[in-house]
Amino acid sequence: MRPAFLLAAVVGLGLAACAQSSFTTEVTGETTIPASQPGGSTELNAFPAISSLAGMDFDQNQDFKNQGITKGEVTSARVDSLTLQVLSPNDQDFTFLDTVEFYIRAGDRETRIAWKQDVARASPRPPHPTLSLNVADTELQPYVATPSVSIIIRGKGRTPEREVRLRAVVRLEVETGLL
């Protein structure tokens, strides 16, 4: 009886040692959509860059440092959630947007990671509404491992009557190699 118990314990410990470790990290950034010119709105086809999401090096990410891992040890990374929130003005909603998309880019390669269609129709109400985007089930490890990666925003709509400040929060589920 004891040898079977010891064998089961050794096998269990061996399997636990082969398990992958995972953690969540968030990257955030803000951008400002300029107001329309006096006399009416114009078509919105481009978004200003989100500077804190440009040129990221995941070896500098605090969550990676806290876990004691490097981007080279990442075996899998996927978007868990992506939200876009109106920070100001506090009574603004998303009715100026038709579509919004987020892409991850490294070098000349990019992949869509999140999107929302019919934004104006589904816009949450103020104050400070938060829009949850649909996320792609896409493997991002090749992007995370690069020296420099950016997350960019694209969309269509109309320029808002007033300047609108937005915050993007990208939550990633990260897995590392064997323990």
Protein backbone atom coordinates (compact mmCIF):
# COMPACT_ATOMS: atom_id res chain seq x y z
CA MET A 1 0.00 0.00 0.00
CA ARG A 2 2.79 2.44 0.86
CA PRO A 3 4.67 2.00 -2.44
CA ALA A 4 1.49 2.82 -4.39
CA PHE A 5 0.97 5.94 -2.28
CA LEU A 6 4.58 7.04 -2.79
CA LEU A 7 4.32 6.42 -6.53
CA ALA A 8 1.12 8.48 -6.72
CA ALA A 9 2.77 11.29 -4.73
CA VAL A 10 5.86 11.31 -6.96
CA VAL A 11 3.74 11.31 -10.14
CA GLY A 12 1.56 14.11 -8.74
CA LEU A 13 4.60 16.23 -7.86
CA GLY A 14 6.10 15.54 -11.28
CA LEU A 15 2.93 16.70 -13.02
CA ALA A 16 2.77 19.82 -10.86
CA ALA A 17 6.37 20.63 -11.79
CA CYS A 18 5.42 20.43 -15.48
CA ALA A 19 2.48 22.80 -15.11
CA GLN A 20 2.53 26.17 -16.75
CA SER A 21 2.43 29.31 -14.70
CA SER A 22 0.05 32.08 -15.72
CA PHE A 23 -0.64 35.64 -14.66
CA THR A 24 -2.57 38.66 -15.84
CA THR A 25 -1.08 41.97 -16.83
CA GLU A 26 -2.75 45.23 -17.87
CA VAL A 27 -1.43 47.88 -20.18
CA THR A 28 -3.27 51.19 -20.24
CA GLY A 29 -3.13 54.38 -22.20
CA GLU A 30 -5.03 57.53 -22.98
CA THR A 31 -5.75 59.50 -26.12
CA THR A 32 -7.71 62.63 -26.94
CA ILE A 33 -10.11 62.94 -29.86
CA PRO A 34 -10.13 66.58 -31.01
CA ALA A 35 -13.41 68.49 -31.23
CA SER A 36 -15.05 69.20 -34.56
CA GLN A 37 -14.51 72.55 -36.20
CA PRO A 38 -17.15 75.20 -35.54
CA GLY A 39 -20.09 74.77 -37.89
CA GLY A 40 -20.47 71.00 -37.77
CA SER A 41 -18.85 67.66 -37.37
CA THR A 42 -16.64 65.99 -39.90
CA GLU A 43 -15.91 62.38 -40.60
CA LEU A 44 -13.66 60.67 -38.06
CA ASN A 45 -11.37 58.21 -39.82
CA ALA A 46 -8.25 58.32 -37.66
CA PHE A 47 -7.51 58.25 -33.96
CA PRO A 48 -4.55 59.90 -32.27
CA ALA A 49 -1.94 57.40 -31.09
CA ILE A 50 -1.99 56.14 -27.52
CA SER A 51 1.60 56.97 -26.62
CA SER A 52 1.94 54.65 -23.60
CA LEU A 53 0.85 51.70 -25.78
CA ALA A 54 3.45 52.46 -28.46
CA GLY A 55 6.91 50.95 -28.48
CA MET A 56 6.32 48.71 -25.46
CA ASP A 57 8.99 46.30 -24.26
CA PHE A 58 7.39 43.64 -22.06
CA ASP A 59 10.68 43.10 -20.23
CA GLN A 60 9.98 46.55 -18.74
CA ASN A 61 6.40 45.62 -17.72
CA GLN A 62 6.01 45.73 -13.92
CA ASP A 63 3.90 42.56 -13.80
CA PHE A 64 6.62 40.66 -15.70
CA LYS A 65 9.21 41.99 -13.24
CA ASN A 66 7.01 41.02 -10.27
CA GLN A 67 6.73 37.48 -11.67
CA GLY A 68 10.49 37.35 -12.25
CA ILE A 69 10.11 36.43 -15.92
CA THR A 70 11.25 37.84 -19.22
CA LYS A 71 9.29 38.11 -22.44
CA GLY A 72 11.46 35.29 -23.82
CA GLU A 73 9.92 32.91 -21.26
CA VAL A 74 6.35 33.59 -22.44
CA THR A 75 4.79 30.55 -24.10
CA SER A 76 1.34 32.09 -24.66
CA ALA A 77 -0.34 35.49 -24.42
CA ARG A 78 -3.94 36.33 -25.25
CA VAL A 79 -6.20 39.33 -24.76
CA ASP A 80 -8.53 38.63 -21.85
CA SER A 81 -10.44 41.91 -22.15
CA LEU A 82 -10.18 45.33 -23.72
CA THR A 83 -12.21 48.31 -22.53
CA LEU A 84 -12.47 51.88 -23.70
CA GLN A 85 -13.69 54.52 -21.23
CA VAL A 86 -14.65 58.17 -21.68
CA LEU A 87 -12.67 60.15 -19.10
CA SER A 88 -13.87 63.60 -20.08
CA PRO A 89 -16.14 65.36 -20.49
CA ASN A 90 -18.06 63.41 -17.86
CA ASP A 91 -21.37 63.73 -19.73
CA GLN A 92 -19.97 62.38 -23.04
CA ASP A 93 -20.94 58.98 -24.45
CA PHE A 94 -19.71 57.01 -27.48
CA THR A 95 -22.44 58.12 -29.93
CA PHE A 96 -19.82 59.84 -32.10
CA LEU A 97 -18.33 56.41 -32.96
CA ASP A 98 -19.58 53.85 -35.45
CA THR A 99 -16.79 51.28 -35.19
CA VAL A 100 -13.63 50.90 -33.14
CA GLU A 101 -10.82 48.38 -33.59
CA PHE A 102 -7.55 47.68 -31.79
CA TYR A 103 -4.51 46.09 -33.42
CA ILE A 104 -1.22 44.83 -32.07
CA ARG A 105 1.79 45.69 -34.23
CA ALA A 106 5.43 44.65 -34.27
CA GLY A 107 7.53 45.72 -37.23
CA ASP A 108 5.49 45.26 -40.42
CA ARG A 109 3.19 42.63 -38.88
CA GLU A 110 -0.13 43.45 -37.21
CA THR A 111 -3.20 41.57 -35.98
CA ARG A 112 -6.64 42.75 -34.90
CA ILE A 113 -7.12 41.98 -31.20
CA ALA A 114 -10.45 43.68 -30.37
CA TRP A 115 -13.37 45.45 -32.05
CA LYS A 116 -16.89 46.80 -31.63
CA GLN A 117 -19.42 47.50 -34.38
CA ASP A 118 -22.49 49.77 -34.09
CA VAL A 119 -20.89 51.60 -31.17
CA ALA A 120 -23.24 54.60 -31.32
CA ARG A 121 -26.28 52.36 -31.01
CA ALA A 122 -24.87 50.33 -28.11
CA SER A 123 -23.21 53.22 -26.28
CA PRO A 124 -23.32 53.00 -22.48
CA ARG A 125 -24.64 56.08 -20.71
CA PRO A 126 -22.56 58.76 -18.98
CA PRO A 127 -20.98 59.56 -16.63
CA HIS A 128 -17.67 58.05 -17.77
CA PRO A 129 -19.13 55.17 -19.79
CA THR A 130 -16.99 52.10 -20.39
CA LEU A 131 -17.29 50.12 -23.61
CA SER A 132 -16.27 46.44 -23.55
CA LEU A 133 -14.95 45.28 -26.91
CA ASN A 134 -15.14 41.86 -28.54
CA VAL A 135 -11.73 40.19 -28.28
CA ALA A 136 -10.04 37.89 -30.75
CA ASP A 137 -8.79 34.52 -29.54
CA THR A 138 -5.40 35.13 -31.11
CA GLU A 139 -1.99 33.97 -29.92
CA LEU A 140 0.12 37.07 -29.17
CA GLN A 141 3.32 35.40 -27.93
CA PRO A 142 5.23 36.31 -31.12
CA TYR A 143 4.34 39.98 -30.52
CA VAL A 144 5.13 39.97 -26.79
CA ALA A 145 8.58 38.47 -27.49
CA THR A 146 9.63 41.26 -29.87
CA PRO A 147 11.88 44.16 -28.82
CA SER A 148 9.09 46.69 -29.46
CA VAL A 149 5.33 46.21 -29.77
CA SER A 150 2.49 48.72 -30.12
CA ILE A 151 -1.26 48.62 -29.67
CA ILE A 152 -3.05 50.96 -32.03
CA ILE A 153 -6.66 52.13 -32.32
CA ARG A 154 -8.68 52.63 -35.49
CA GLY A 155 -12.29 53.44 -36.10
CA LYS A 156 -14.92 55.44 -37.91
CA GLY A 157 -17.51 57.94 -36.84
CA ARG A 158 -17.90 61.70 -36.57
CA THR A 159 -15.70 64.14 -34.72
CA PRO A 160 -17.32 64.98 -31.38
CA GLU A 161 -18.59 68.50 -30.62
CA ARG A 162 -16.16 68.72 -27.72
CA GLU A 163 -12.71 67.26 -27.18
CA VAL A 164 -13.04 63.73 -25.74
CA ARG A 165 -10.38 62.03 -23.63
CA LEU A 166 -10.41 58.21 -23.73
CA ARG A 167 -8.64 55.50 -21.72
CA ALA A 168 -7.93 52.05 -23.12
CA VAL A 169 -7.27 49.12 -20.78
CA VAL A 170 -5.87 45.96 -22.36
CA ARG A 171 -5.80 42.96 -20.06
CA LEU A 172 -3.57 40.07 -21.16
CA GLU A 173 -3.47 36.51 -19.85
CA VAL A 174 0.18 35.40 -20.01
CA GLU A 175 1.56 31.88 -19.64
CA THR A 176 5.18 31.03 -19.07
CA GLY A 177 7.16 27.87 -19.73
CA LEU A 178 7.59 24.91 -17.47
CA LEU A 179 8.27 25.57 -13.80
